[in-house]
N, C-alpha and C. Protein backbone atom coordinates (compact mmCIF):
# COMPACT_ATOMS: atom_id res chain seq x y z
N MET A 1 0.82 -1.18 0.00
CA MET A 1 0.00 0.00 0.00
C MET A 1 0.87 1.25 0.00
N THR A 2 1.96 1.23 0.77
CA THR A 2 2.85 2.38 0.86
C THR A 2 3.50 2.66 -0.49
N SER A 3 3.94 1.60 -1.19
CA SER A 3 4.56 1.81 -2.49
C SER A 3 3.55 2.34 -3.50
N ARG A 4 2.31 1.92 -3.40
CA ARG A 4 1.26 2.43 -4.28
C ARG A 4 1.05 3.92 -4.04
N PHE A 5 1.03 4.31 -2.78
CA PHE A 5 0.87 5.73 -2.42
C PHE A 5 2.05 6.53 -2.94
N ALA A 6 3.26 5.99 -2.79
CA ALA A 6 4.45 6.70 -3.26
C ALA A 6 4.41 6.88 -4.77
N LEU A 7 3.96 5.86 -5.49
CA LEU A 7 3.86 5.95 -6.94
C LEU A 7 2.83 7.01 -7.34
N ILE A 8 1.70 7.02 -6.69
CA ILE A 8 0.67 8.03 -6.98
C ILE A 8 1.19 9.42 -6.68
N ALA A 9 1.89 9.59 -5.58
CA ALA A 9 2.46 10.90 -5.23
C ALA A 9 3.48 11.34 -6.27
N LEU A 10 4.33 10.41 -6.72
CA LEU A 10 5.32 10.73 -7.74
C LEU A 10 4.65 11.14 -9.04
N LEU A 11 3.65 10.39 -9.47
CA LEU A 11 2.93 10.73 -10.69
C LEU A 11 2.27 12.09 -10.58
N PHE A 12 1.69 12.40 -9.44
CA PHE A 12 1.07 13.71 -9.23
C PHE A 12 2.11 14.82 -9.36
N CYS A 13 3.28 14.62 -8.76
CA CYS A 13 4.34 15.62 -8.86
C CYS A 13 4.78 15.81 -10.30
N LEU A 14 4.93 14.71 -11.03
CA LEU A 14 5.34 14.81 -12.43
C LEU A 14 4.29 15.53 -13.26
N ILE A 15 3.04 15.20 -13.04
CA ILE A 15 1.96 15.80 -13.82
C ILE A 15 1.85 17.29 -13.51
N THR A 16 1.98 17.67 -12.27
CA THR A 16 1.80 19.08 -11.91
C THR A 16 2.98 19.95 -12.31
N THR A 17 4.13 19.34 -12.63
CA THR A 17 5.28 20.15 -13.03
C THR A 17 5.37 20.30 -14.55
N VAL A 18 4.52 19.62 -15.29
CA VAL A 18 4.53 19.72 -16.74
C VAL A 18 3.79 20.97 -17.17
N THR A 19 4.41 21.74 -18.04
CA THR A 19 3.74 22.92 -18.59
C THR A 19 3.42 22.66 -20.05
N ALA A 20 2.65 23.55 -20.63
CA ALA A 20 2.30 23.40 -22.05
C ALA A 20 3.55 23.40 -22.92
N ASP A 21 4.60 24.10 -22.50
CA ASP A 21 5.84 24.14 -23.27
C ASP A 21 6.57 22.81 -23.26
N ASP A 22 6.27 21.95 -22.29
CA ASP A 22 6.93 20.65 -22.16
C ASP A 22 6.28 19.59 -23.03
N ARG A 23 5.19 19.92 -23.68
CA ARG A 23 4.42 18.94 -24.44
C ARG A 23 4.58 19.15 -25.94
N LYS A 24 4.67 18.04 -26.65
CA LYS A 24 4.66 18.08 -28.11
C LYS A 24 3.49 17.21 -28.55
N HIS A 25 2.54 17.80 -29.24
CA HIS A 25 1.38 17.05 -29.71
C HIS A 25 1.69 16.43 -31.07
N ILE A 26 1.46 15.15 -31.18
CA ILE A 26 1.67 14.41 -32.43
C ILE A 26 0.29 14.24 -33.05
N VAL A 27 0.09 14.86 -34.22
CA VAL A 27 -1.22 14.82 -34.87
C VAL A 27 -1.05 14.43 -36.32
N ASP A 28 -1.75 13.40 -36.73
CA ASP A 28 -1.80 13.00 -38.13
C ASP A 28 -2.63 14.04 -38.86
N ASP A 29 -2.08 14.63 -39.91
CA ASP A 29 -2.79 15.70 -40.63
C ASP A 29 -4.18 15.29 -41.09
N SER A 30 -4.36 14.01 -41.41
CA SER A 30 -5.68 13.57 -41.88
C SER A 30 -6.70 13.55 -40.74
N LEU A 31 -6.22 13.66 -39.49
CA LEU A 31 -7.12 13.64 -38.33
C LEU A 31 -7.17 14.98 -37.62
N SER A 32 -6.60 16.01 -38.20
CA SER A 32 -6.48 17.29 -37.50
C SER A 32 -7.82 17.94 -37.19
N ALA A 33 -8.89 17.52 -37.84
CA ALA A 33 -10.21 18.09 -37.56
C ALA A 33 -10.82 17.54 -36.28
N PHE A 34 -10.25 16.45 -35.76
CA PHE A 34 -10.80 15.81 -34.57
C PHE A 34 -10.18 16.41 -33.30
N PRO A 35 -10.91 16.36 -32.19
CA PRO A 35 -10.44 16.99 -30.95
C PRO A 35 -9.51 16.11 -30.11
N PHE A 36 -8.47 15.56 -30.74
CA PHE A 36 -7.50 14.76 -30.00
C PHE A 36 -6.19 14.70 -30.76
N SER A 37 -5.16 14.35 -30.04
CA SER A 37 -3.84 14.12 -30.62
C SER A 37 -3.61 12.61 -30.71
N ASN A 38 -2.85 12.18 -31.70
CA ASN A 38 -2.49 10.76 -31.79
C ASN A 38 -1.58 10.38 -30.63
N GLY A 39 -0.82 11.36 -30.19
CA GLY A 39 0.07 11.14 -29.06
C GLY A 39 0.50 12.48 -28.49
N VAL A 40 0.95 12.45 -27.25
CA VAL A 40 1.50 13.64 -26.62
C VAL A 40 2.82 13.23 -26.00
N LEU A 41 3.90 13.91 -26.43
CA LEU A 41 5.23 13.65 -25.92
C LEU A 41 5.52 14.64 -24.80
N VAL A 42 5.82 14.11 -23.62
CA VAL A 42 6.16 14.93 -22.46
C VAL A 42 7.53 14.46 -22.00
N GLY A 43 8.53 15.29 -22.24
CA GLY A 43 9.90 14.85 -21.95
C GLY A 43 10.24 13.68 -22.84
N ASP A 44 10.63 12.58 -22.23
CA ASP A 44 10.97 11.36 -22.97
C ASP A 44 9.84 10.35 -23.03
N THR A 45 8.64 10.75 -22.57
CA THR A 45 7.51 9.83 -22.50
C THR A 45 6.43 10.22 -23.51
N LEU A 46 6.03 9.27 -24.31
CA LEU A 46 4.97 9.46 -25.30
C LEU A 46 3.72 8.73 -24.83
N TYR A 47 2.64 9.47 -24.73
CA TYR A 47 1.34 8.90 -24.40
C TYR A 47 0.57 8.73 -25.70
N LEU A 48 0.30 7.49 -26.07
CA LEU A 48 -0.38 7.18 -27.33
C LEU A 48 -1.88 7.16 -27.12
N GLY A 49 -2.59 7.99 -27.88
CA GLY A 49 -4.04 7.97 -27.84
C GLY A 49 -4.55 6.72 -28.53
N GLY A 50 -5.83 6.46 -28.42
CA GLY A 50 -6.42 5.29 -29.05
C GLY A 50 -6.30 5.35 -30.57
N HIS A 51 -5.81 4.28 -31.16
CA HIS A 51 -5.65 4.17 -32.61
C HIS A 51 -6.55 3.06 -33.13
N LEU A 52 -7.16 3.30 -34.28
CA LEU A 52 -7.98 2.31 -34.96
C LEU A 52 -7.27 1.86 -36.23
N GLY A 53 -7.62 0.71 -36.74
CA GLY A 53 -7.06 0.19 -37.98
C GLY A 53 -7.95 0.54 -39.16
N LEU A 54 -7.82 1.78 -39.63
CA LEU A 54 -8.68 2.27 -40.71
C LEU A 54 -7.90 2.36 -42.01
N ASP A 55 -8.57 2.08 -43.12
CA ASP A 55 -7.93 2.24 -44.43
C ASP A 55 -7.96 3.71 -44.84
N LYS A 56 -7.45 4.02 -46.02
CA LYS A 56 -7.36 5.41 -46.47
C LYS A 56 -8.72 6.10 -46.59
N SER A 57 -9.78 5.32 -46.75
CA SER A 57 -11.12 5.91 -46.85
C SER A 57 -11.76 6.10 -45.47
N GLY A 58 -11.02 5.71 -44.40
CA GLY A 58 -11.54 5.87 -43.05
C GLY A 58 -12.44 4.74 -42.60
N LYS A 59 -12.35 3.61 -43.30
CA LYS A 59 -13.19 2.46 -42.95
C LYS A 59 -12.34 1.30 -42.43
N VAL A 60 -12.98 0.45 -41.66
CA VAL A 60 -12.33 -0.77 -41.18
C VAL A 60 -12.35 -1.78 -42.32
N PRO A 61 -11.19 -2.35 -42.65
CA PRO A 61 -11.19 -3.35 -43.73
C PRO A 61 -11.96 -4.61 -43.32
N ALA A 62 -12.45 -5.34 -44.29
CA ALA A 62 -13.21 -6.56 -44.03
C ALA A 62 -12.34 -7.65 -43.41
N ASN A 63 -11.07 -7.68 -43.77
CA ASN A 63 -10.13 -8.69 -43.30
C ASN A 63 -9.52 -8.24 -41.97
N VAL A 64 -9.66 -9.06 -40.93
CA VAL A 64 -9.18 -8.72 -39.58
C VAL A 64 -7.66 -8.53 -39.57
N GLU A 65 -6.93 -9.36 -40.30
CA GLU A 65 -5.47 -9.22 -40.34
C GLU A 65 -5.07 -7.87 -40.93
N ASP A 66 -5.79 -7.41 -41.94
CA ASP A 66 -5.52 -6.09 -42.51
C ASP A 66 -5.77 -5.00 -41.46
N GLU A 67 -6.82 -5.17 -40.68
CA GLU A 67 -7.12 -4.20 -39.63
C GLU A 67 -6.01 -4.15 -38.59
N VAL A 68 -5.52 -5.31 -38.18
CA VAL A 68 -4.44 -5.35 -37.19
C VAL A 68 -3.19 -4.67 -37.75
N ASN A 69 -2.84 -4.97 -39.00
CA ASN A 69 -1.68 -4.32 -39.62
C ASN A 69 -1.86 -2.80 -39.64
N LEU A 70 -3.05 -2.35 -39.99
CA LEU A 70 -3.30 -0.91 -40.06
C LEU A 70 -3.21 -0.24 -38.69
N VAL A 71 -3.75 -0.87 -37.66
CA VAL A 71 -3.69 -0.26 -36.33
C VAL A 71 -2.26 -0.24 -35.83
N MET A 72 -1.50 -1.30 -36.07
CA MET A 72 -0.11 -1.32 -35.61
C MET A 72 0.75 -0.35 -36.42
N GLU A 73 0.47 -0.20 -37.70
CA GLU A 73 1.20 0.79 -38.50
C GLU A 73 0.88 2.21 -38.01
N ALA A 74 -0.37 2.45 -37.61
CA ALA A 74 -0.74 3.77 -37.08
C ALA A 74 0.00 4.05 -35.77
N ILE A 75 0.10 3.04 -34.90
CA ILE A 75 0.86 3.18 -33.66
C ILE A 75 2.33 3.48 -34.00
N LYS A 76 2.90 2.69 -34.90
CA LYS A 76 4.30 2.87 -35.29
C LYS A 76 4.55 4.26 -35.86
N LYS A 77 3.64 4.73 -36.70
CA LYS A 77 3.79 6.06 -37.29
C LYS A 77 3.80 7.14 -36.21
N THR A 78 2.93 7.04 -35.24
CA THR A 78 2.89 8.02 -34.15
C THR A 78 4.17 7.96 -33.32
N VAL A 79 4.59 6.75 -32.99
CA VAL A 79 5.82 6.57 -32.21
C VAL A 79 7.01 7.18 -32.95
N GLU A 80 7.14 6.88 -34.23
CA GLU A 80 8.26 7.40 -35.01
C GLU A 80 8.16 8.90 -35.24
N SER A 81 6.95 9.43 -35.34
CA SER A 81 6.76 10.89 -35.49
C SER A 81 7.25 11.64 -34.25
N ALA A 82 7.26 10.95 -33.12
CA ALA A 82 7.73 11.55 -31.87
C ALA A 82 9.24 11.34 -31.68
N GLY A 83 9.89 10.69 -32.65
CA GLY A 83 11.33 10.46 -32.55
C GLY A 83 11.70 9.22 -31.75
N LEU A 84 10.77 8.31 -31.56
CA LEU A 84 11.01 7.09 -30.82
C LEU A 84 10.89 5.90 -31.76
N THR A 85 11.13 4.70 -31.24
CA THR A 85 10.98 3.48 -32.02
C THR A 85 10.01 2.55 -31.30
N MET A 86 9.60 1.50 -31.97
CA MET A 86 8.71 0.54 -31.34
C MET A 86 9.38 -0.15 -30.15
N ASP A 87 10.71 -0.19 -30.12
CA ASP A 87 11.41 -0.74 -28.95
C ASP A 87 11.26 0.14 -27.72
N ASP A 88 10.81 1.39 -27.91
CA ASP A 88 10.58 2.30 -26.79
C ASP A 88 9.20 2.12 -26.16
N VAL A 89 8.33 1.36 -26.80
CA VAL A 89 6.97 1.16 -26.28
C VAL A 89 7.07 0.26 -25.04
N VAL A 90 6.52 0.75 -23.92
CA VAL A 90 6.60 0.00 -22.66
C VAL A 90 5.27 -0.57 -22.21
N SER A 91 4.17 -0.02 -22.72
CA SER A 91 2.85 -0.47 -22.28
C SER A 91 1.85 -0.31 -23.41
N ILE A 92 1.01 -1.32 -23.58
CA ILE A 92 -0.04 -1.30 -24.61
C ILE A 92 -1.34 -1.79 -23.99
N GLN A 93 -2.43 -1.14 -24.38
CA GLN A 93 -3.77 -1.62 -24.05
C GLN A 93 -4.49 -1.87 -25.36
N VAL A 94 -5.04 -3.04 -25.50
CA VAL A 94 -5.83 -3.39 -26.68
C VAL A 94 -7.27 -3.55 -26.22
N HIS A 95 -8.15 -2.76 -26.78
CA HIS A 95 -9.59 -2.91 -26.54
C HIS A 95 -10.14 -3.65 -27.76
N CYS A 96 -10.83 -4.75 -27.51
CA CYS A 96 -11.28 -5.62 -28.59
C CYS A 96 -12.77 -5.91 -28.45
N SER A 97 -13.47 -5.77 -29.55
CA SER A 97 -14.92 -6.00 -29.53
C SER A 97 -15.29 -7.48 -29.61
N ASP A 98 -14.32 -8.34 -29.91
CA ASP A 98 -14.58 -9.78 -30.05
C ASP A 98 -13.35 -10.55 -29.59
N LEU A 99 -13.38 -11.06 -28.38
CA LEU A 99 -12.21 -11.72 -27.80
C LEU A 99 -11.77 -12.97 -28.55
N SER A 100 -12.60 -13.49 -29.43
CA SER A 100 -12.19 -14.65 -30.23
C SER A 100 -11.11 -14.25 -31.25
N LEU A 101 -10.85 -12.96 -31.41
CA LEU A 101 -9.83 -12.48 -32.35
C LEU A 101 -8.45 -12.34 -31.70
N TYR A 102 -8.32 -12.79 -30.46
CA TYR A 102 -7.07 -12.69 -29.70
C TYR A 102 -5.88 -13.27 -30.47
N ASP A 103 -6.00 -14.49 -30.95
CA ASP A 103 -4.89 -15.14 -31.66
C ASP A 103 -4.57 -14.43 -32.97
N SER A 104 -5.59 -13.99 -33.69
CA SER A 104 -5.37 -13.26 -34.95
C SER A 104 -4.62 -11.97 -34.70
N PHE A 105 -4.97 -11.30 -33.61
CA PHE A 105 -4.28 -10.05 -33.26
C PHE A 105 -2.82 -10.34 -32.92
N ASN A 106 -2.59 -11.33 -32.07
CA ASN A 106 -1.23 -11.64 -31.61
C ASN A 106 -0.29 -12.04 -32.73
N LYS A 107 -0.81 -12.76 -33.71
CA LYS A 107 0.01 -13.22 -34.84
C LYS A 107 0.72 -12.05 -35.50
N ILE A 108 0.03 -10.95 -35.68
CA ILE A 108 0.61 -9.79 -36.35
C ILE A 108 1.29 -8.86 -35.35
N TYR A 109 0.68 -8.66 -34.20
CA TYR A 109 1.20 -7.77 -33.16
C TYR A 109 2.65 -8.09 -32.82
N LYS A 110 2.95 -9.37 -32.63
CA LYS A 110 4.29 -9.75 -32.16
C LYS A 110 5.38 -9.44 -33.18
N THR A 111 5.03 -9.24 -34.44
CA THR A 111 6.04 -8.92 -35.45
C THR A 111 6.53 -7.48 -35.34
N TYR A 112 5.85 -6.66 -34.57
CA TYR A 112 6.23 -5.24 -34.43
C TYR A 112 7.25 -5.00 -33.32
N PHE A 113 7.62 -6.04 -32.59
CA PHE A 113 8.54 -5.88 -31.47
C PHE A 113 9.70 -6.87 -31.62
N LYS A 114 10.91 -6.34 -31.67
CA LYS A 114 12.09 -7.17 -31.91
C LYS A 114 12.86 -7.48 -30.63
N ASN A 115 12.78 -6.61 -29.63
CA ASN A 115 13.60 -6.76 -28.42
C ASN A 115 12.75 -6.88 -27.17
N GLY A 116 11.83 -7.80 -27.19
CA GLY A 116 10.93 -7.99 -26.06
C GLY A 116 9.63 -7.25 -26.27
N TYR A 117 8.62 -7.69 -25.57
CA TYR A 117 7.28 -7.12 -25.73
C TYR A 117 6.99 -6.13 -24.60
N PRO A 118 6.18 -5.11 -24.90
CA PRO A 118 5.74 -4.22 -23.83
C PRO A 118 4.75 -4.94 -22.90
N ALA A 119 4.57 -4.38 -21.72
CA ALA A 119 3.49 -4.86 -20.86
C ALA A 119 2.19 -4.62 -21.63
N ARG A 120 1.21 -5.51 -21.46
CA ARG A 120 0.01 -5.36 -22.28
C ARG A 120 -1.23 -5.87 -21.56
N ALA A 121 -2.33 -5.19 -21.84
CA ALA A 121 -3.65 -5.67 -21.44
C ALA A 121 -4.45 -5.85 -22.72
N PHE A 122 -5.21 -6.94 -22.79
CA PHE A 122 -6.09 -7.21 -23.92
C PHE A 122 -7.49 -7.28 -23.33
N LEU A 123 -8.26 -6.23 -23.56
CA LEU A 123 -9.53 -6.05 -22.87
C LEU A 123 -10.72 -6.23 -23.80
N GLY A 124 -11.69 -6.98 -23.35
CA GLY A 124 -12.94 -7.09 -24.08
C GLY A 124 -13.73 -5.80 -23.92
N SER A 125 -14.32 -5.36 -24.99
CA SER A 125 -15.10 -4.11 -24.94
C SER A 125 -16.40 -4.32 -25.68
N GLY A 126 -17.24 -3.37 -25.57
CA GLY A 126 -18.45 -3.36 -26.39
C GLY A 126 -18.10 -2.86 -27.77
N LYS A 127 -19.05 -2.32 -28.43
CA LYS A 127 -18.85 -1.80 -29.77
C LYS A 127 -17.83 -0.66 -29.74
N LEU A 128 -16.94 -0.65 -30.74
CA LEU A 128 -15.94 0.40 -30.87
C LEU A 128 -16.32 1.35 -32.00
N LEU A 129 -15.72 2.52 -32.00
CA LEU A 129 -15.98 3.51 -33.06
C LEU A 129 -15.78 2.89 -34.44
N ARG A 130 -16.61 3.30 -35.37
CA ARG A 130 -16.55 2.88 -36.77
C ARG A 130 -16.60 1.36 -36.95
N ASP A 131 -17.17 0.67 -35.96
CA ASP A 131 -17.28 -0.78 -35.98
C ASP A 131 -15.92 -1.48 -36.04
N ALA A 132 -14.89 -0.84 -35.50
CA ALA A 132 -13.57 -1.45 -35.43
C ALA A 132 -13.59 -2.63 -34.48
N HIS A 133 -12.69 -3.56 -34.72
CA HIS A 133 -12.53 -4.69 -33.80
C HIS A 133 -11.54 -4.36 -32.68
N PHE A 134 -10.61 -3.41 -32.97
CA PHE A 134 -9.54 -3.09 -32.03
C PHE A 134 -9.36 -1.58 -31.91
N GLU A 135 -9.06 -1.15 -30.69
CA GLU A 135 -8.54 0.19 -30.45
C GLU A 135 -7.33 0.00 -29.54
N VAL A 136 -6.20 0.56 -29.96
CA VAL A 136 -4.93 0.33 -29.26
C VAL A 136 -4.38 1.65 -28.77
N LEU A 137 -3.95 1.68 -27.50
CA LEU A 137 -3.30 2.85 -26.93
C LEU A 137 -2.14 2.38 -26.08
N GLY A 138 -1.26 3.31 -25.71
CA GLY A 138 -0.11 2.88 -24.93
C GLY A 138 0.79 4.00 -24.49
N ILE A 139 1.96 3.60 -24.01
CA ILE A 139 2.97 4.53 -23.53
C ILE A 139 4.32 4.07 -24.06
N ALA A 140 5.13 5.02 -24.50
CA ALA A 140 6.51 4.73 -24.93
C ALA A 140 7.44 5.68 -24.18
N VAL A 141 8.60 5.18 -23.83
CA VAL A 141 9.60 5.99 -23.13
C VAL A 141 10.91 5.87 -23.90
N LYS A 142 11.44 7.02 -24.31
CA LYS A 142 12.66 7.04 -25.11
C LYS A 142 13.83 6.48 -24.30
N LYS A 143 14.49 5.48 -24.88
CA LYS A 143 15.66 4.89 -24.24
C LYS A 143 16.86 5.79 -24.46
N SER A 144 17.77 5.77 -23.52
CA SER A 144 19.05 6.46 -23.72
C SER A 144 19.80 5.70 -24.80
N ARG A 145 20.25 6.42 -25.79
CA ARG A 145 20.96 5.75 -26.89
C ARG A 145 22.39 6.20 -26.93
C-alpha cells in the first residue's frame, strides 16, 4: 500500500510540473479536424491515444489481419513521429470488440517488437468507433541511446 501511495504521489508531482511548453502534440494531418492528438510527448515519455485500424477511406477493412496491420502501423507512425521506435513502447492496451480475435491479433502484433514485448492488457469491450474490432493505446519511453 505504501509503495502504491508513493507511486501516486510521484505521478502527481510529475503531472503538476509539466507545462504546455513541455508537451509536443503528435497529430496525423488527416485527423487534424478531430479533438484529440495521436500522441502527446512529455519529456521522454509518449502517451499514445487510441488508434484504430482504418484504411485510407476511413473504414475498417473486411479482413481482420488487414485491420491489425493498419492499427499497428498507425501506432508505429505516431511513435516514429515523436522520434522514438517501437522498442521504446513500454505499455499497450488493446480494446477488442470480439475476444475470439485474440490469436489473430497476436500473430501480427508480435512482429512489431524485436527486443521484447511491452506490458500489455487485452480487454474485451463493447462496440468500438466505426465498428472497429480493435482500439490500441499505450505509452513509450525514449531509451538512452
